[in-house]
């Protein structure tokens, strides 16, 4: 058997626990070895002692690790604002990278990462989970082959309520930038539901490994929770090929819904609504239909398929090039001239008990469903809280999309 592929995991709390569980319980064919973990708050992880007994080293920073070690694959489950720095550092030291979504927060950082990858010739994969789905890969192949004709318009909606524990999980949750000024843009668009927006762009990308480029983004951003950034958004993007895309998402609805999507092509419509045993369905104009599989697969598949990509030296489906379109769209949305609108206090409701209390907006579920069905922004439907905001925060960015951008809130 060949030598095991060595792994370092950066970020062992939060989402990093899922990667760690997979790495510690790999399938027989994986042939991997976890040599170290990196986390400045590693003591919060209840199995750190167990890892040390297994001979797994622990470091407070990635710089400290690379001073005396090398590794085949760095898995990044660190805070968003660290992604660009850690990817570039890994590439400089000859490591391949699997980075949890999103890629980064600025178009400049995305370009810098791409340049570093070309320079050091290593794999960088971004963990947008639907891109690792066999069903979604088969679907995109048929789109590229012209099976459904040209894309006309695509929409997606994900309403995922989040309680106060979610916003208290770290010191950057719901922030535009962290305590030292680094851009975070934490929101459903750039974090929990980022894969939905990415997928809208990716499935109609011009090649297997690229996404459509968002030329313009119309964004209406709203806030119910006591956070700096937005928890609800309706985005309408226009690609450089002229295809309109609509993305509707919120953490402040009463009910969980989706993700669901409805893609309109010249000769067919493609639709999916997440539920047990749900699959992607296609209905042709002729009345015939077909089904693809479910785009949702176990989280650990992102890791195993990345390792397969590295060993086979094939391009990644979820590449830097594919992920950069999402970064562009997020940056343009964040600059919406409308700013971030706070929902009227009279519509705010609190459900559940502390610490799992959830802040919801009365009537938001139905309003966002209307947007999705009409392919419209809330203000275009005359929804009162979208046309007459009680409080509006304006976000102004400098011309550069760097971490030390000027932001006024």
Protein backbone atom coordinates (compact mmCIF):
# COMPACT_ATOMS: atom_id res chain seq x y z
CA UNK A 1 0.00 0.00 0.00
CA UNK A 2 1.19 3.53 -0.75
CA UNK A 3 2.05 5.97 1.98
CA UNK A 4 -0.99 7.49 3.73
CA UNK A 5 -2.06 10.97 2.74
CA UNK A 6 -1.28 13.24 5.68
CA UNK A 7 -3.84 15.75 6.94
CA UNK A 8 -3.91 18.79 9.18
CA UNK A 9 -7.25 20.18 10.32
CA UNK A 10 -7.44 23.93 11.01
CA UNK A 11 -10.44 24.61 13.24
CA UNK A 12 -11.59 21.76 15.49
CA UNK A 13 -14.55 23.46 17.12
CA UNK A 14 -17.82 24.29 15.39
CA UNK A 15 -18.07 22.78 11.92
CA UNK A 16 -14.55 21.40 12.25
CA UNK A 17 -15.91 18.70 14.55
CA UNK A 18 -17.67 17.12 11.56
CA UNK A 19 -14.43 16.86 9.63
CA UNK A 20 -12.62 15.54 12.67
CA UNK A 21 -15.21 12.83 13.22
CA UNK A 22 -14.84 11.76 9.59
CA UNK A 23 -11.04 11.77 9.72
CA UNK A 24 -11.01 9.73 12.93
CA UNK A 25 -13.46 7.19 11.47
CA UNK A 26 -12.39 6.87 7.81
CA UNK A 27 -13.50 4.18 5.37
CA UNK A 28 -11.03 1.34 4.96
CA UNK A 29 -9.83 2.57 1.55
CA UNK A 30 -9.09 6.14 2.70
CA UNK A 31 -5.45 5.55 3.70
CA UNK A 32 -5.06 8.85 5.55
CA UNK A 33 -3.23 10.01 8.64
CA UNK A 34 -4.16 12.99 10.82
CA UNK A 35 -0.86 14.43 12.00
CA UNK A 36 -2.00 17.68 13.65
CA UNK A 37 -4.83 20.02 14.51
CA UNK A 38 -4.69 23.80 14.60
CA UNK A 39 -6.94 25.99 16.73
CA UNK A 40 -6.15 28.84 19.14
CA UNK A 41 -9.09 27.66 21.26
CA UNK A 42 -8.30 23.97 21.07
CA UNK A 43 -8.84 23.48 24.79
CA UNK A 44 -12.58 23.89 24.15
CA UNK A 45 -12.59 20.63 22.23
CA UNK A 46 -13.54 17.83 24.61
CA UNK A 47 -11.53 15.14 22.76
CA UNK A 48 -8.23 17.02 22.56
CA UNK A 49 -6.67 14.74 25.19
CA UNK A 50 -7.74 11.70 23.20
CA UNK A 51 -6.11 13.14 20.08
CA UNK A 52 -2.85 13.72 21.90
CA UNK A 53 -2.84 10.10 23.11
CA UNK A 54 -3.13 9.06 19.47
CA UNK A 55 -0.01 11.07 18.69
CA UNK A 56 -1.85 13.91 16.95
CA UNK A 57 -0.03 17.19 17.52
CA UNK A 58 -1.82 20.43 18.30
CA UNK A 59 -0.81 23.98 17.39
CA UNK A 60 -2.31 27.35 18.19
CA UNK A 61 -1.58 28.71 14.72
CA UNK A 62 -0.93 27.43 11.23
CA UNK A 63 2.28 29.46 11.05
CA UNK A 64 3.55 27.57 14.09
CA UNK A 65 2.77 24.22 12.43
CA UNK A 66 4.54 25.07 9.17
CA UNK A 67 7.70 26.20 10.96
CA UNK A 68 8.69 22.57 11.44
CA UNK A 69 6.22 20.37 9.53
CA UNK A 70 4.80 19.66 6.08
CA UNK A 71 1.50 18.04 5.14
CA UNK A 72 -0.26 16.73 2.03
CA UNK A 73 -3.68 18.25 2.76
CA UNK A 74 -4.80 21.13 4.90
CA UNK A 75 -8.52 21.04 5.73
CA UNK A 76 -9.76 24.49 6.71
CA UNK A 77 -12.77 24.83 8.99
CA UNK A 78 -11.58 28.15 10.39
CA UNK A 79 -13.52 31.42 10.58
CA UNK A 80 -14.31 32.98 7.19
CA UNK A 81 -11.90 35.88 7.65
CA UNK A 82 -8.95 33.46 7.92
CA UNK A 83 -9.61 31.50 4.74
CA UNK A 84 -7.53 33.54 2.29
CA UNK A 85 -4.54 33.81 4.63
CA UNK A 86 -4.54 30.11 5.50
CA UNK A 87 -5.02 28.92 1.91
CA UNK A 88 -2.10 31.04 0.70
CA UNK A 89 0.11 29.89 3.57
CA UNK A 90 -0.65 26.25 2.82
CA UNK A 91 0.10 26.68 -0.87
CA UNK A 92 3.42 28.33 -0.07
CA UNK A 93 4.36 25.26 1.96
CA UNK A 94 3.37 22.75 -0.70
CA UNK A 95 0.03 21.60 0.74
CA UNK A 96 -3.20 20.90 -1.08
CA UNK A 97 -6.28 22.53 0.46
CA UNK A 98 -9.91 21.71 1.18
CA UNK A 99 -11.50 24.91 2.48
CA UNK A 100 -14.95 25.04 3.97
CA UNK A 101 -17.26 27.49 2.17
CA UNK A 102 -16.96 30.32 1.29
CA UNK A 103 -13.63 30.78 -0.47
CA UNK A 104 -13.02 34.25 0.98
CA UNK A 105 -14.63 37.68 1.31
CA UNK A 106 -13.11 39.76 -1.47
CA UNK A 107 -12.46 39.58 -5.18
CA UNK A 108 -8.87 40.67 -4.56
CA UNK A 109 -8.29 37.79 -2.15
CA UNK A 110 -9.86 35.36 -4.64
CA UNK A 111 -7.46 36.57 -7.33
CA UNK A 112 -4.53 36.32 -4.93
CA UNK A 113 -5.43 32.74 -4.05
CA UNK A 114 -5.76 31.82 -7.73
CA UNK A 115 -2.34 33.30 -8.48
CA UNK A 116 -0.80 31.39 -5.59
CA UNK A 117 -2.36 28.15 -6.80
CA UNK A 118 -0.94 28.62 -10.28
CA UNK A 119 2.45 29.45 -8.83
CA UNK A 120 2.70 26.44 -6.51
CA UNK A 121 0.60 23.99 -8.58
CA UNK A 122 -1.48 22.49 -5.79
CA UNK A 123 -5.16 21.58 -5.53
CA UNK A 124 -7.57 23.99 -3.81
CA UNK A 125 -11.12 22.76 -3.33
CA UNK A 126 -13.93 24.80 -1.79
CA UNK A 127 -16.50 22.78 0.15
CA UNK A 128 -19.76 23.88 -1.47
CA UNK A 129 -21.51 20.62 -0.71
CA UNK A 130 -23.82 20.35 -3.73
CA UNK A 131 -20.81 20.50 -6.05
CA UNK A 132 -19.70 17.13 -4.66
CA UNK A 133 -23.06 15.52 -5.41
CA UNK A 134 -23.11 12.94 -8.16
CA UNK A 135 -26.64 14.04 -9.06
CA UNK A 136 -25.61 17.68 -9.47
CA UNK A 137 -22.54 16.75 -11.49
CA UNK A 138 -24.64 14.62 -13.84
CA UNK A 139 -27.16 17.44 -14.14
CA UNK A 140 -24.50 19.99 -15.06
CA UNK A 141 -23.03 17.67 -17.64
CA UNK A 142 -26.43 17.48 -19.35
CA UNK A 143 -26.86 21.27 -19.14
CA UNK A 144 -23.48 21.74 -20.83
CA UNK A 145 -24.48 19.20 -23.47
CA UNK A 146 -27.55 21.31 -24.28
CA UNK A 147 -30.06 18.65 -23.27
CA UNK A 148 -32.52 21.26 -21.93
CA UNK A 149 -31.72 24.12 -24.28
CA UNK A 150 -30.42 27.48 -23.11
CA UNK A 151 -31.09 28.64 -19.53
CA UNK A 152 -33.86 31.27 -19.25
CA UNK A 153 -33.97 31.99 -15.51
CA UNK A 154 -33.12 30.14 -12.30
CA UNK A 155 -34.35 30.58 -8.74
CA UNK A 156 -33.59 29.05 -5.36
CA UNK A 157 -34.96 29.53 -1.83
CA UNK A 158 -33.67 28.39 1.56
CA UNK A 159 -35.44 29.50 4.73
CA UNK A 160 -33.41 28.24 7.67
CA UNK A 161 -34.38 29.68 11.08
CA UNK A 162 -31.48 30.11 13.49
CA UNK A 163 -31.71 30.57 17.26
CA UNK A 164 -29.65 32.80 19.53
CA UNK A 165 -27.13 30.03 20.19
CA UNK A 166 -26.24 30.25 16.51
CA UNK A 167 -25.46 33.95 16.80
CA UNK A 168 -23.53 33.46 20.04
CA UNK A 169 -21.35 30.63 18.75
CA UNK A 170 -18.34 32.91 18.25
CA UNK A 171 -17.36 36.58 18.25
CA UNK A 172 -17.87 37.11 14.50
CA UNK A 173 -21.32 35.61 13.93
CA UNK A 174 -23.57 38.04 12.12
CA UNK A 175 -20.74 40.54 11.67
CA UNK A 176 -19.65 42.54 8.63
CA UNK A 177 -16.09 42.55 9.93
CA UNK A 178 -14.40 41.12 12.98
CA UNK A 179 -12.92 42.93 15.98
CA UNK A 180 -9.70 43.83 14.13
CA UNK A 181 -11.35 44.96 10.92
CA UNK A 182 -11.13 41.86 8.73
CA UNK A 183 -14.10 41.34 6.42
CA UNK A 184 -16.41 38.47 7.41
CA UNK A 185 -19.76 39.24 5.73
CA UNK A 186 -21.37 36.53 7.86
CA UNK A 187 -24.90 36.00 6.58
CA UNK A 188 -27.04 33.20 5.17
CA UNK A 189 -25.74 34.22 1.73
CA UNK A 190 -22.08 33.87 2.72
CA UNK A 191 -22.31 31.05 5.24
CA UNK A 192 -25.12 28.62 6.03
CA UNK A 193 -26.90 28.83 2.65
CA UNK A 194 -23.92 29.86 0.54
CA UNK A 195 -24.03 26.59 -1.39
CA UNK A 196 -27.47 27.49 -2.74
CA UNK A 197 -26.29 30.75 -4.34
CA UNK A 198 -23.11 29.08 -5.55
CA UNK A 199 -25.14 26.33 -7.19
CA UNK A 200 -27.27 28.83 -9.12
CA UNK A 201 -24.09 30.20 -10.64
CA UNK A 202 -22.26 26.91 -11.00
CA UNK A 203 -24.84 24.81 -12.85
CA UNK A 204 -24.87 27.24 -15.78
CA UNK A 205 -21.14 27.89 -15.78
CA UNK A 206 -19.50 27.70 -19.23
CA UNK A 207 -17.35 24.70 -18.30
CA UNK A 208 -17.46 21.84 -15.82
CA UNK A 209 -15.03 23.63 -13.52
CA UNK A 210 -16.33 27.20 -13.69
CA UNK A 211 -19.42 29.17 -12.72
CA UNK A 212 -21.40 31.85 -14.50
CA UNK A 213 -20.07 35.33 -13.81
CA UNK A 214 -22.50 37.67 -11.98
CA UNK A 215 -22.41 40.94 -13.92
CA UNK A 216 -24.96 42.76 -11.72
CA UNK A 217 -26.67 42.05 -8.40
CA UNK A 218 -29.84 43.70 -7.10
CA UNK A 219 -29.98 43.04 -3.38
CA UNK A 220 -32.57 43.78 -0.71
CA UNK A 221 -31.11 42.99 2.70
CA UNK A 222 -32.97 42.85 6.03
CA UNK A 223 -32.28 42.24 9.68
CA UNK A 224 -34.44 40.88 12.52
CA UNK A 225 -31.75 39.68 14.92
CA UNK A 226 -29.62 42.14 16.93
CA UNK A 227 -26.63 41.69 14.65
CA UNK A 228 -24.46 43.92 12.47
CA UNK A 229 -25.09 42.24 9.12
CA UNK A 230 -28.29 40.92 7.56
CA UNK A 231 -30.16 37.68 8.31
CA UNK A 232 -32.61 37.88 5.39
CA UNK A 233 -31.90 38.57 1.73
CA UNK A 234 -33.49 38.54 -1.70
CA UNK A 235 -30.90 38.76 -4.48
CA UNK A 236 -31.50 39.00 -8.19
CA UNK A 237 -28.33 38.43 -10.17
CA UNK A 238 -27.74 38.85 -13.88
CA UNK A 239 -24.94 36.85 -15.42
CA UNK A 240 -22.68 38.13 -18.18
CA UNK A 241 -24.68 35.87 -20.51
CA UNK A 242 -27.87 37.73 -19.53
CA UNK A 243 -29.44 34.96 -17.42
CA UNK A 244 -31.38 36.24 -14.38
CA UNK A 245 -31.03 34.34 -11.09
CA UNK A 246 -33.09 34.81 -7.93
CA UNK A 247 -31.96 33.74 -4.47
CA UNK A 248 -34.26 34.05 -1.45
CA UNK A 249 -32.94 33.20 2.02
CA UNK A 250 -33.51 33.97 5.70
CA UNK A 251 -32.64 32.94 9.24
CA UNK A 252 -35.68 34.82 10.64
CA UNK A 253 -38.63 32.82 9.36
CA UNK A 254 -40.88 30.75 11.60
CA UNK A 255 -40.59 27.59 9.55
CA UNK A 256 -37.79 25.64 7.89
CA UNK A 257 -38.24 25.43 4.14
CA UNK A 258 -35.89 24.18 1.47
CA UNK A 259 -33.52 24.49 -0.07
CA UNK A 260 -35.70 24.32 -3.14
CA UNK A 261 -35.03 25.39 -6.69
CA UNK A 262 -36.81 25.86 -10.00
CA UNK A 263 -34.68 26.21 -13.13
CA UNK A 264 -36.32 27.28 -16.39
CA UNK A 265 -34.64 26.29 -19.66
CA UNK A 266 -35.78 26.58 -23.26
CA UNK A 267 -37.01 23.00 -23.43
CA UNK A 268 -37.55 21.94 -19.82
CA UNK A 269 -37.93 22.95 -16.19
CA UNK A 270 -35.80 21.44 -13.41
CA UNK A 271 -37.10 21.46 -9.87
CA UNK A 272 -36.15 20.22 -6.43
CA UNK A 273 -37.56 20.64 -2.90
CA UNK A 274 -35.46 19.17 -0.12
CA UNK A 275 -37.30 16.46 1.77
CA UNK A 276 -36.62 12.84 2.70
CA UNK A 277 -35.94 10.84 -0.48
CA UNK A 278 -36.38 13.94 -2.69
CA UNK A 279 -34.66 13.97 -6.08
CA UNK A 280 -34.09 16.50 -8.84
CA UNK A 281 -36.92 16.24 -11.38
CA UNK A 282 -36.98 17.42 -14.98
CA UNK A 283 -40.12 18.03 -17.01
CA UNK A 284 -39.71 18.61 -20.74
CA UNK A 285 -42.01 20.71 -22.91
CA UNK A 286 -43.01 17.50 -24.66
CA UNK A 287 -44.46 16.22 -21.39
CA UNK A 288 -41.79 13.60 -20.81
CA UNK A 289 -39.78 13.64 -17.60
CA UNK A 290 -36.73 12.21 -15.91
CA UNK A 291 -35.15 12.23 -12.46
CA UNK A 292 -31.66 12.75 -11.17
CA UNK A 293 -30.59 11.76 -7.69
CA UNK A 294 -30.61 13.77 -4.51
CA UNK A 295 -28.05 16.63 -4.37
CA UNK A 296 -27.66 16.23 -0.61
CA UNK A 297 -24.98 13.74 0.41
CA UNK A 298 -23.15 13.05 3.70
CA UNK A 299 -20.85 15.90 4.74
CA UNK A 300 -17.78 13.68 4.77
CA UNK A 301 -18.07 13.06 1.02
CA UNK A 302 -16.48 16.47 0.49
CA UNK A 303 -13.35 15.15 2.15
CA UNK A 304 -13.20 11.75 0.46
CA UNK A 305 -13.80 13.18 -3.02
CA UNK A 306 -11.17 15.87 -2.48
CA UNK A 307 -8.67 13.17 -1.56
CA UNK A 308 -9.61 11.23 -4.72
CA UNK A 309 -9.05 14.39 -6.76
CA UNK A 310 -5.61 14.92 -5.25
CA UNK A 311 -4.53 11.33 -5.84
CA UNK A 312 -5.80 11.28 -9.41
CA UNK A 313 -4.45 14.78 -10.08
CA UNK A 314 -7.71 15.81 -11.73
CA UNK A 315 -9.31 19.26 -11.51
CA UNK A 316 -11.80 19.85 -8.73
CA UNK A 317 -15.47 20.42 -9.50
CA UNK A 318 -15.52 22.99 -6.72
CA UNK A 319 -12.45 24.93 -7.77
CA UNK A 320 -11.24 28.44 -7.00
CA UNK A 321 -12.53 29.53 -10.40
CA UNK A 322 -15.98 28.09 -9.66
CA UNK A 323 -16.10 29.57 -6.15
CA UNK A 324 -14.98 33.06 -7.14
CA UNK A 325 -18.33 33.87 -8.78
CA UNK A 326 -20.00 33.40 -5.40
CA UNK A 327 -17.45 35.77 -3.84
CA UNK A 328 -18.24 38.38 -6.52
CA UNK A 329 -21.99 38.09 -5.91
CA UNK A 330 -21.64 38.38 -2.12
CA UNK A 331 -19.44 41.47 -2.44
CA UNK A 332 -21.89 43.16 -4.81
CA UNK A 333 -24.85 42.32 -2.57
CA UNK A 334 -23.06 43.72 0.47
CA UNK A 335 -22.73 47.04 -1.36
CA UNK A 336 -26.47 47.39 -2.00
CA UNK A 337 -27.31 51.14 -2.05
CA UNK A 338 -30.40 50.39 0.03
CA UNK A 339 -28.21 49.28 2.91
CA UNK A 340 -29.54 46.85 5.50
CA UNK A 341 -33.14 47.44 6.54
CA UNK A 342 -34.29 46.51 10.05
CA UNK A 343 -37.69 44.88 10.21
CA UNK A 344 -40.30 46.95 12.12
CA UNK A 345 -40.31 46.06 15.82
CA UNK A 346 -44.06 45.46 15.72
CA UNK A 347 -43.43 42.41 13.50
CA UNK A 348 -40.73 40.83 15.64
CA UNK A 349 -41.70 37.73 17.57
CA UNK A 350 -39.63 35.61 19.96
CA UNK A 351 -40.32 31.90 20.14
CA UNK A 352 -38.76 29.21 22.28
CA UNK A 353 -36.83 29.46 25.52
CA UNK A 354 -33.41 30.91 26.28
CA UNK A 355 -30.78 30.09 25.07
CA UNK A 356 -32.60 28.56 22.10
CA UNK A 357 -34.94 31.48 21.60
CA UNK A 358 -35.50 32.26 17.92
CA UNK A 359 -36.35 35.70 16.59
CA UNK A 360 -38.85 35.55 13.75
CA UNK A 361 -40.71 38.11 11.67
CA UNK A 362 -44.47 37.87 11.46
CA UNK A 363 -45.57 37.15 7.90
CA UNK A 364 -42.02 36.76 6.59
CA UNK A 365 -42.48 33.17 5.45
CA UNK A 366 -45.37 34.02 3.14
CA UNK A 367 -43.73 37.24 1.89
CA UNK A 368 -40.55 35.44 0.85
CA UNK A 369 -42.56 32.69 -0.83
CA UNK A 370 -44.29 35.39 -2.87
CA UNK A 371 -40.91 36.76 -3.94
CA UNK A 372 -39.78 33.31 -4.99
CA UNK A 373 -42.93 32.57 -6.96
CA UNK A 374 -43.02 36.01 -8.65
CA UNK A 375 -39.26 36.16 -9.31
CA UNK A 376 -39.40 39.56 -7.63
CA UNK A 377 -37.75 41.65 -4.94
CA UNK A 378 -39.86 42.48 -1.85
CA UNK A 379 -40.09 46.18 -2.74
CA UNK A 380 -41.43 45.31 -6.20
CA UNK A 381 -44.32 43.47 -4.57
CA UNK A 382 -45.16 46.50 -2.43
CA UNK A 383 -44.36 44.74 0.85
CA UNK A 384 -44.52 47.45 3.51
CA UNK A 385 -41.35 46.64 5.42
CA UNK A 386 -39.37 46.63 2.19
CA UNK A 387 -40.66 49.95 0.86
CA UNK A 388 -40.87 51.95 4.09
CA UNK A 389 -38.01 50.84 6.34
CA UNK A 390 -38.15 51.76 10.02
CA UNK A 391 -34.37 51.87 10.23
CA UNK A 392 -31.76 51.57 7.52
CA UNK A 393 -28.04 50.94 7.90
CA UNK A 394 -25.94 52.02 4.95
CA UNK A 395 -22.87 49.99 4.10
CA UNK A 396 -20.22 51.83 2.10
CA UNK A 397 -17.15 50.07 0.78
CA UNK A 398 -14.07 51.52 -0.81
CA UNK A 399 -13.31 50.68 -4.42
CA UNK A 400 -11.08 47.82 -3.33
CA UNK A 401 -12.70 44.77 -1.82
CA UNK A 402 -9.94 44.21 0.73
CA UNK A 403 -10.18 43.30 4.38
CA UNK A 404 -9.33 46.83 5.45
CA UNK A 405 -12.19 48.35 3.44
CA UNK A 406 -14.12 51.25 4.85
CA UNK A 407 -17.49 50.20 6.20
CA UNK A 408 -20.03 52.56 7.69
CA UNK A 409 -22.88 51.06 9.66
